[in-house]
């Protein structure tokens, strides 16, 4: 984990936990089996994987399919965040949220890719 400072990892953890909790809450309000429900559930699972990696993964190996799925879901979330950030004025809470989310998603993807290469 030496490529990221403790502060960067802490901020990534907070942003990913926020993303996870937002999607977990939203999924409880969606019709089970709908594409929206599948999307939010996928984000929760992928965020859990990324958070686990940030916390050091307890030295346990992670299922390759889970890593692949998490990488795809988080890459899509990153793309959507990068697409939407320009809609918010710099300095607003929405813009700051997206900046932090983008940074966290990049760290998460990097950690997943590193884990996949082991």
N, C-alpha and C. Protein backbone atom coordinates (compact mmCIF):
# COMPACT_ATOMS: atom_id res chain seq x y z
N UNK A 1 0.81 -1.20 0.00
CA UNK A 1 0.00 0.00 0.00
C UNK A 1 0.85 1.26 0.00
N UNK A 2 2.12 1.11 -0.16
CA UNK A 2 3.03 2.25 -0.05
C UNK A 2 2.81 3.31 -1.12
N UNK A 3 2.09 2.99 -2.19
CA UNK A 3 1.90 3.98 -3.24
C UNK A 3 0.91 5.07 -2.82
N UNK A 4 0.16 4.85 -1.75
CA UNK A 4 -0.79 5.84 -1.26
C UNK A 4 -0.49 6.17 0.19
N UNK A 5 -0.65 7.44 0.52
CA UNK A 5 -0.42 7.87 1.90
C UNK A 5 -1.59 7.42 2.77
N UNK A 6 -1.38 7.37 4.08
CA UNK A 6 -2.49 7.04 4.98
C UNK A 6 -3.67 8.01 4.83
N UNK A 7 -3.38 9.29 4.59
CA UNK A 7 -4.46 10.26 4.39
C UNK A 7 -5.25 9.98 3.13
N UNK A 8 -4.55 9.62 2.04
CA UNK A 8 -5.25 9.30 0.79
C UNK A 8 -6.14 8.07 0.97
N UNK A 9 -5.62 7.07 1.66
CA UNK A 9 -6.41 5.86 1.90
C UNK A 9 -7.60 6.14 2.81
N UNK A 10 -7.40 6.97 3.81
CA UNK A 10 -8.49 7.33 4.72
C UNK A 10 -9.60 8.06 3.97
N UNK A 11 -9.21 9.02 3.12
CA UNK A 11 -10.21 9.77 2.33
C UNK A 11 -10.91 8.85 1.33
N UNK A 12 -10.16 7.94 0.72
CA UNK A 12 -10.77 6.99 -0.22
C UNK A 12 -11.76 6.10 0.52
N UNK A 13 -11.37 5.65 1.70
CA UNK A 13 -12.26 4.82 2.52
C UNK A 13 -13.56 5.55 2.81
N UNK A 14 -13.45 6.80 3.23
CA UNK A 14 -14.65 7.58 3.57
C UNK A 14 -15.55 7.78 2.36
N UNK A 15 -14.95 8.10 1.21
CA UNK A 15 -15.74 8.34 0.00
C UNK A 15 -16.40 7.04 -0.48
N UNK A 16 -15.68 5.93 -0.42
CA UNK A 16 -16.25 4.66 -0.84
C UNK A 16 -17.34 4.19 0.12
N UNK A 17 -17.15 4.42 1.40
CA UNK A 17 -18.18 4.07 2.37
C UNK A 17 -19.44 4.90 2.14
N UNK A 18 -19.27 6.18 1.83
CA UNK A 18 -20.40 7.04 1.51
C UNK A 18 -21.14 6.53 0.27
N UNK A 19 -20.39 6.20 -0.78
CA UNK A 19 -20.98 5.66 -2.01
C UNK A 19 -21.71 4.35 -1.72
N UNK A 20 -21.09 3.50 -0.92
CA UNK A 20 -21.69 2.22 -0.57
C UNK A 20 -23.00 2.42 0.19
N UNK A 21 -22.97 3.27 1.21
CA UNK A 21 -24.16 3.48 2.03
C UNK A 21 -25.29 4.13 1.24
N UNK A 22 -24.95 5.07 0.37
CA UNK A 22 -25.96 5.72 -0.48
C UNK A 22 -26.66 4.69 -1.36
N UNK A 23 -25.89 3.81 -1.95
CA UNK A 23 -26.47 2.80 -2.84
C UNK A 23 -27.20 1.72 -2.06
N UNK A 24 -26.73 1.38 -0.88
CA UNK A 24 -27.42 0.40 -0.04
C UNK A 24 -28.79 0.93 0.35
N UNK A 25 -28.84 2.19 0.74
CA UNK A 25 -30.11 2.81 1.11
C UNK A 25 -31.05 2.88 -0.09
N UNK A 26 -30.52 3.25 -1.25
CA UNK A 26 -31.35 3.36 -2.46
C UNK A 26 -31.87 1.99 -2.88
N UNK A 27 -31.05 0.95 -2.75
CA UNK A 27 -31.47 -0.37 -3.21
C UNK A 27 -32.66 -0.90 -2.42
N UNK A 28 -32.77 -0.50 -1.17
CA UNK A 28 -33.89 -0.96 -0.35
C UNK A 28 -35.22 -0.37 -0.81
N UNK A 29 -35.16 0.69 -1.61
CA UNK A 29 -36.38 1.35 -2.08
C UNK A 29 -36.74 0.95 -3.51
N UNK A 30 -35.90 0.12 -4.13
CA UNK A 30 -36.12 -0.25 -5.52
C UNK A 30 -36.76 -1.63 -5.63
N UNK A 31 -37.46 -1.84 -6.74
CA UNK A 31 -38.08 -3.13 -6.99
C UNK A 31 -36.99 -4.17 -7.20
N UNK A 32 -37.08 -5.26 -6.45
CA UNK A 32 -36.08 -6.31 -6.55
C UNK A 32 -36.07 -6.89 -7.96
N UNK A 33 -34.87 -7.05 -8.50
CA UNK A 33 -34.71 -7.59 -9.84
C UNK A 33 -34.66 -6.55 -10.95
N UNK A 34 -34.99 -5.29 -10.63
CA UNK A 34 -34.94 -4.23 -11.63
C UNK A 34 -33.48 -3.91 -11.95
N UNK A 35 -33.26 -3.27 -13.09
CA UNK A 35 -31.88 -2.94 -13.45
C UNK A 35 -31.29 -1.96 -12.45
N UNK A 36 -32.12 -1.07 -11.89
CA UNK A 36 -31.62 -0.12 -10.90
C UNK A 36 -31.18 -0.85 -9.63
N UNK A 37 -31.97 -1.84 -9.24
CA UNK A 37 -31.63 -2.62 -8.05
C UNK A 37 -30.33 -3.40 -8.27
N UNK A 38 -30.18 -3.97 -9.45
CA UNK A 38 -28.95 -4.71 -9.77
C UNK A 38 -27.74 -3.79 -9.77
N UNK A 39 -27.92 -2.57 -10.32
CA UNK A 39 -26.82 -1.60 -10.36
C UNK A 39 -26.40 -1.20 -8.95
N UNK A 40 -27.37 -0.83 -8.11
CA UNK A 40 -27.02 -0.38 -6.76
C UNK A 40 -26.43 -1.52 -5.93
N UNK A 41 -26.96 -2.71 -6.09
CA UNK A 41 -26.42 -3.87 -5.37
C UNK A 41 -24.99 -4.16 -5.82
N UNK A 42 -24.73 -4.02 -7.11
CA UNK A 42 -23.38 -4.22 -7.64
C UNK A 42 -22.40 -3.20 -7.08
N UNK A 43 -22.85 -1.96 -6.96
CA UNK A 43 -21.98 -0.92 -6.40
C UNK A 43 -21.67 -1.20 -4.94
N UNK A 44 -22.67 -1.64 -4.19
CA UNK A 44 -22.44 -1.98 -2.77
C UNK A 44 -21.39 -3.08 -2.66
N UNK A 45 -21.54 -4.11 -3.46
CA UNK A 45 -20.60 -5.24 -3.43
C UNK A 45 -19.19 -4.81 -3.85
N UNK A 46 -19.11 -4.01 -4.90
CA UNK A 46 -17.81 -3.54 -5.38
C UNK A 46 -17.15 -2.61 -4.36
N UNK A 47 -17.94 -1.74 -3.75
CA UNK A 47 -17.40 -0.83 -2.73
C UNK A 47 -16.91 -1.63 -1.53
N UNK A 48 -17.65 -2.67 -1.14
CA UNK A 48 -17.20 -3.53 -0.04
C UNK A 48 -15.85 -4.16 -0.36
N UNK A 49 -15.69 -4.61 -1.59
CA UNK A 49 -14.42 -5.21 -2.01
C UNK A 49 -13.29 -4.19 -1.92
N UNK A 50 -13.54 -2.98 -2.43
CA UNK A 50 -12.52 -1.93 -2.40
C UNK A 50 -12.17 -1.54 -0.97
N UNK A 51 -13.17 -1.42 -0.12
CA UNK A 51 -12.94 -1.07 1.28
C UNK A 51 -12.11 -2.17 1.95
N UNK A 52 -12.41 -3.40 1.64
CA UNK A 52 -11.66 -4.52 2.20
C UNK A 52 -10.19 -4.44 1.79
N UNK A 53 -9.95 -4.09 0.53
CA UNK A 53 -8.57 -3.94 0.06
C UNK A 53 -7.87 -2.77 0.74
N UNK A 54 -8.57 -1.67 0.92
CA UNK A 54 -7.98 -0.51 1.61
C UNK A 54 -7.58 -0.89 3.03
N UNK A 55 -8.40 -1.71 3.66
CA UNK A 55 -8.12 -2.15 5.03
C UNK A 55 -7.06 -3.23 5.11
N UNK A 56 -6.50 -3.63 3.98
CA UNK A 56 -5.41 -4.59 3.97
C UNK A 56 -5.80 -6.00 3.61
N UNK A 57 -7.06 -6.26 3.37
CA UNK A 57 -7.57 -7.56 2.91
C UNK A 57 -7.26 -8.71 3.87
N UNK A 58 -6.83 -8.41 5.07
CA UNK A 58 -6.57 -9.43 6.09
C UNK A 58 -5.64 -10.54 5.61
N UNK A 59 -4.88 -10.27 4.56
CA UNK A 59 -3.96 -11.27 4.03
C UNK A 59 -4.63 -12.44 3.33
N UNK A 60 -5.95 -12.38 3.17
CA UNK A 60 -6.69 -13.46 2.53
C UNK A 60 -6.85 -13.18 1.04
N UNK A 61 -6.79 -14.22 0.22
CA UNK A 61 -7.00 -14.00 -1.22
C UNK A 61 -8.47 -13.67 -1.50
N UNK A 62 -8.68 -12.90 -2.54
CA UNK A 62 -10.03 -12.52 -2.95
C UNK A 62 -10.36 -13.27 -4.23
N UNK A 63 -11.59 -13.72 -4.33
CA UNK A 63 -12.06 -14.43 -5.51
C UNK A 63 -11.83 -13.61 -6.77
N UNK A 64 -11.25 -14.24 -7.79
CA UNK A 64 -10.93 -13.57 -9.05
C UNK A 64 -12.18 -12.98 -9.70
N UNK A 65 -13.29 -13.72 -9.68
CA UNK A 65 -14.52 -13.23 -10.29
C UNK A 65 -15.05 -11.99 -9.57
N UNK A 66 -14.92 -11.97 -8.24
CA UNK A 66 -15.34 -10.80 -7.47
C UNK A 66 -14.49 -9.59 -7.83
N UNK A 67 -13.20 -9.80 -7.99
CA UNK A 67 -12.31 -8.70 -8.39
C UNK A 67 -12.67 -8.19 -9.78
N UNK A 68 -12.93 -9.11 -10.71
CA UNK A 68 -13.29 -8.71 -12.07
C UNK A 68 -14.59 -7.90 -12.08
N UNK A 69 -15.58 -8.42 -11.37
CA UNK A 69 -16.88 -7.75 -11.30
C UNK A 69 -16.74 -6.37 -10.64
N UNK A 70 -15.99 -6.30 -9.57
CA UNK A 70 -15.80 -5.03 -8.86
C UNK A 70 -15.08 -4.02 -9.74
N UNK A 71 -14.09 -4.47 -10.49
CA UNK A 71 -13.36 -3.57 -11.38
C UNK A 71 -14.30 -2.99 -12.44
N UNK A 72 -15.14 -3.80 -13.02
CA UNK A 72 -16.08 -3.34 -14.05
C UNK A 72 -17.07 -2.33 -13.47
N UNK A 73 -17.64 -2.66 -12.32
CA UNK A 73 -18.64 -1.78 -11.69
C UNK A 73 -18.02 -0.45 -11.28
N UNK A 74 -16.84 -0.50 -10.66
CA UNK A 74 -16.21 0.74 -10.20
C UNK A 74 -15.69 1.58 -11.37
N UNK A 75 -15.24 0.93 -12.44
CA UNK A 75 -14.82 1.68 -13.63
C UNK A 75 -16.01 2.42 -14.23
N UNK A 76 -17.17 1.78 -14.23
CA UNK A 76 -18.38 2.44 -14.74
C UNK A 76 -18.78 3.60 -13.82
N UNK A 77 -18.68 3.40 -12.52
CA UNK A 77 -18.99 4.48 -11.58
C UNK A 77 -18.03 5.65 -11.76
N UNK A 78 -16.76 5.35 -12.01
CA UNK A 78 -15.77 6.40 -12.27
C UNK A 78 -16.13 7.18 -13.53
N UNK A 79 -16.47 6.47 -14.59
CA UNK A 79 -16.84 7.13 -15.84
C UNK A 79 -18.05 8.04 -15.64
N UNK A 80 -19.05 7.55 -14.92
CA UNK A 80 -20.24 8.37 -14.67
C UNK A 80 -19.92 9.59 -13.81
N UNK A 81 -19.06 9.42 -12.82
CA UNK A 81 -18.67 10.56 -11.98
C UNK A 81 -17.89 11.60 -12.78
N UNK A 82 -17.00 11.13 -13.65
CA UNK A 82 -16.24 12.06 -14.49
C UNK A 82 -17.15 12.79 -15.48
N UNK A 83 -18.18 12.11 -15.95
CA UNK A 83 -19.13 12.74 -16.87
C UNK A 83 -19.96 13.82 -16.19
N UNK A 84 -20.30 13.62 -14.93
CA UNK A 84 -21.23 14.53 -14.25
C UNK A 84 -20.55 15.69 -13.52
N UNK A 85 -19.27 15.58 -13.21
CA UNK A 85 -18.62 16.60 -12.38
C UNK A 85 -18.69 17.99 -13.02
N UNK A 86 -18.62 18.06 -14.33
CA UNK A 86 -18.67 19.35 -15.02
C UNK A 86 -19.99 20.07 -14.90
N UNK A 87 -21.02 19.37 -14.46
CA UNK A 87 -22.34 19.99 -14.30
C UNK A 87 -22.45 20.79 -13.01
N UNK A 88 -21.46 20.63 -12.12
CA UNK A 88 -21.49 21.31 -10.83
C UNK A 88 -20.45 22.41 -10.79
N UNK A 89 -20.82 23.53 -10.20
CA UNK A 89 -19.88 24.65 -10.07
C UNK A 89 -18.77 24.28 -9.09
N UNK A 90 -17.55 24.68 -9.44
CA UNK A 90 -16.40 24.44 -8.56
C UNK A 90 -16.67 25.09 -7.21
N UNK A 91 -16.37 24.37 -6.16
CA UNK A 91 -16.56 24.90 -4.81
C UNK A 91 -17.88 24.48 -4.17
N UNK A 92 -18.81 23.95 -4.97
CA UNK A 92 -20.08 23.49 -4.39
C UNK A 92 -19.87 22.12 -3.75
N UNK A 93 -20.77 21.78 -2.85
CA UNK A 93 -20.65 20.48 -2.18
C UNK A 93 -20.77 19.33 -3.18
N UNK A 94 -21.60 19.50 -4.21
CA UNK A 94 -21.75 18.44 -5.21
C UNK A 94 -20.45 18.22 -5.98
N UNK A 95 -19.76 19.32 -6.31
CA UNK A 95 -18.50 19.22 -7.05
C UNK A 95 -17.43 18.56 -6.17
N UNK A 96 -17.37 18.98 -4.91
CA UNK A 96 -16.40 18.40 -3.98
C UNK A 96 -16.66 16.91 -3.78
N UNK A 97 -17.94 16.53 -3.66
CA UNK A 97 -18.30 15.12 -3.52
C UNK A 97 -17.79 14.32 -4.71
N UNK A 98 -18.00 14.84 -5.91
CA UNK A 98 -17.56 14.13 -7.11
C UNK A 98 -16.04 14.06 -7.19
N UNK A 99 -15.35 15.13 -6.82
CA UNK A 99 -13.88 15.11 -6.81
C UNK A 99 -13.37 14.01 -5.89
N UNK A 100 -13.94 13.94 -4.70
CA UNK A 100 -13.51 12.93 -3.72
C UNK A 100 -13.86 11.52 -4.19
N UNK A 101 -15.04 11.40 -4.78
CA UNK A 101 -15.47 10.10 -5.29
C UNK A 101 -14.56 9.63 -6.42
N UNK A 102 -14.21 10.54 -7.33
CA UNK A 102 -13.32 10.20 -8.45
C UNK A 102 -11.96 9.74 -7.92
N UNK A 103 -11.41 10.49 -6.98
CA UNK A 103 -10.11 10.11 -6.41
C UNK A 103 -10.20 8.74 -5.73
N UNK A 104 -11.28 8.50 -4.99
CA UNK A 104 -11.45 7.22 -4.29
C UNK A 104 -11.61 6.07 -5.28
N UNK A 105 -12.37 6.29 -6.33
CA UNK A 105 -12.58 5.24 -7.33
C UNK A 105 -11.28 4.90 -8.05
N UNK A 106 -10.46 5.91 -8.31
CA UNK A 106 -9.16 5.65 -8.95
C UNK A 106 -8.26 4.82 -8.04
N UNK A 107 -8.26 5.14 -6.76
CA UNK A 107 -7.47 4.36 -5.80
C UNK A 107 -8.01 2.93 -5.73
N UNK A 108 -9.33 2.80 -5.64
CA UNK A 108 -9.95 1.48 -5.56
C UNK A 108 -9.60 0.63 -6.78
N UNK A 109 -9.70 1.23 -7.95
CA UNK A 109 -9.37 0.49 -9.18
C UNK A 109 -7.90 0.08 -9.20
N UNK A 110 -7.05 0.96 -8.73
CA UNK A 110 -5.62 0.65 -8.67
C UNK A 110 -5.36 -0.53 -7.73
N UNK A 111 -6.02 -0.53 -6.58
CA UNK A 111 -5.84 -1.62 -5.62
C UNK A 111 -6.38 -2.94 -6.17
N UNK A 112 -7.51 -2.87 -6.86
CA UNK A 112 -8.08 -4.08 -7.46
C UNK A 112 -7.15 -4.62 -8.54
N UNK A 113 -6.65 -3.73 -9.39
CA UNK A 113 -5.74 -4.17 -10.46
C UNK A 113 -4.45 -4.76 -9.88
N UNK A 114 -3.96 -4.16 -8.80
CA UNK A 114 -2.77 -4.71 -8.16
C UNK A 114 -3.05 -6.10 -7.60
N UNK A 115 -4.20 -6.26 -6.98
CA UNK A 115 -4.58 -7.56 -6.42
C UNK A 115 -4.74 -8.60 -7.54
N UNK A 116 -5.27 -8.19 -8.67
CA UNK A 116 -5.45 -9.11 -9.79
C UNK A 116 -4.12 -9.58 -10.37
N UNK A 117 -3.10 -8.75 -10.24
CA UNK A 117 -1.80 -9.10 -10.82
C UNK A 117 -0.98 -10.03 -9.92
N UNK A 118 -1.45 -10.28 -8.72
CA UNK A 118 -0.71 -11.16 -7.79
C UNK A 118 -0.88 -12.62 -8.14
